Structure formats: C-alpha cells, structure tokens
Amino acid sequence: MSTLEDLRLEARLSIVELSRKARVDMKTIRRALDGERVQKLKAYAIVDAISEELHRPLKLEEIEGLHYT
C-alpha cells in the first residue's frame, strides 16, 4: 500500500502542480500529505489528479494514511 506522498512523487507532481490539477488549495494538499483529515470530495479530487498522471485507477481506500470525512 502506498502513501499519498509516494504516489505524488511517482507521478512527479510538485505540491503546486497537484494543487492546480486537483483544483484544491495547497493547504489542503499539505494537510492530506501530513495525514490530517480532509473533506472526502477534496480527497477524491486529489486522488483523481494523481490517478490521471499515473494513467491507472486509484481508490481512496488503497492509500495508506489518507484520512477524510
């Protein structure tokens, strides 16, 4: 199981790029990367952006340390 940070790095996305692609504030990206809770809708947007870059489907439940409400 990979962490959000592992996947972000694998996709070669900076925090700024991920924020732009996911259309989510950088503070929210940082909170998600730090293991803090984020809104479920924002978590989906982050994971979808990474998934698109990696050209493979990802599920929220498969990401270690990603917490959402």
Protein backbone atom coordinates (compact mmCIF):
# COMPACT_ATOMS: atom_id res chain seq x y z
CA MET A 1 0.00 0.00 0.00
CA SER A 2 1.40 3.40 -1.00
CA THR A 3 1.08 6.71 0.80
CA LEU A 4 -0.23 9.83 -0.88
CA GLU A 5 3.31 11.23 -0.84
CA ASP A 6 4.66 8.09 -2.54
CA LEU A 7 2.06 8.41 -5.28
CA ARG A 8 2.63 12.15 -5.69
CA LEU A 9 6.35 11.56 -6.16
CA GLU A 10 5.75 8.63 -8.52
CA ALA A 11 3.54 10.93 -10.61
CA ARG A 12 6.34 13.55 -10.50
CA LEU A 13 3.97 16.24 -9.30
CA SER A 14 5.02 19.11 -7.07
CA ILE A 15 2.56 20.20 -4.40
CA VAL A 16 1.79 23.27 -6.51
CA GLU A 17 1.13 21.16 -9.63
CA LEU A 18 -1.04 18.71 -7.71
CA SER A 19 -3.00 21.58 -6.20
CA ARG A 20 -3.62 23.04 -9.65
CA LYS A 21 -4.55 19.73 -11.28
CA ALA A 22 -6.87 18.73 -8.42
CA ARG A 23 -8.27 22.26 -8.10
CA VAL A 24 -7.70 22.03 -4.36
CA ASP A 25 -5.97 24.61 -2.16
CA MET A 26 -2.30 23.90 -1.39
CA LYS A 27 -3.05 23.94 2.34
CA THR A 28 -5.50 21.07 1.82
CA ILE A 29 -2.90 19.13 -0.18
CA ARG A 30 -0.37 19.61 2.61
CA ARG A 31 -2.89 18.53 5.25
CA ALA A 32 -3.69 15.37 3.26
CA LEU A 33 0.03 14.63 2.81
CA ASP A 34 0.56 15.12 6.57
CA GLY A 35 -2.16 12.58 7.37
CA GLU A 36 -4.69 15.12 8.60
CA ARG A 37 -8.38 14.79 7.74
CA VAL A 38 -9.65 16.45 4.59
CA GLN A 39 -13.13 16.56 3.08
CA LYS A 40 -13.98 13.41 1.14
CA LEU A 41 -14.72 15.40 -2.03
CA LYS A 42 -11.27 17.02 -1.85
CA ALA A 43 -9.62 13.64 -1.22
CA TYR A 44 -11.32 12.30 -4.37
CA ALA A 45 -10.09 15.30 -6.37
CA ILE A 46 -6.50 14.79 -5.17
CA VAL A 47 -6.52 11.07 -5.87
CA ASP A 48 -8.16 11.56 -9.27
CA ALA A 49 -5.46 14.06 -10.29
CA ILE A 50 -2.69 11.64 -9.30
CA SER A 51 -4.50 8.75 -10.97
CA GLU A 52 -4.72 10.71 -14.20
CA GLU A 53 -0.98 11.43 -14.15
CA LEU A 54 -0.13 7.78 -13.45
CA HIS A 55 -2.58 6.50 -16.08
CA ARG A 56 -4.04 3.98 -13.67
CA PRO A 57 -7.06 3.91 -11.39
CA LEU A 58 -6.59 4.57 -7.68
CA LYS A 59 -9.09 4.19 -4.86
CA LEU A 60 -9.18 6.23 -1.66
CA GLU A 61 -9.17 3.04 0.41
CA GLU A 62 -5.90 1.89 -1.19
CA ILE A 63 -3.90 4.89 0.01
CA GLU A 64 -2.14 4.46 3.31
CA GLY A 65 -2.59 7.35 5.75
CA LEU A 66 -5.21 9.24 3.72
CA HIS A 67 -7.90 10.39 6.14
CA TYR A 68 -11.15 12.03 5.09
CA THR A 69 -14.59 12.82 6.44
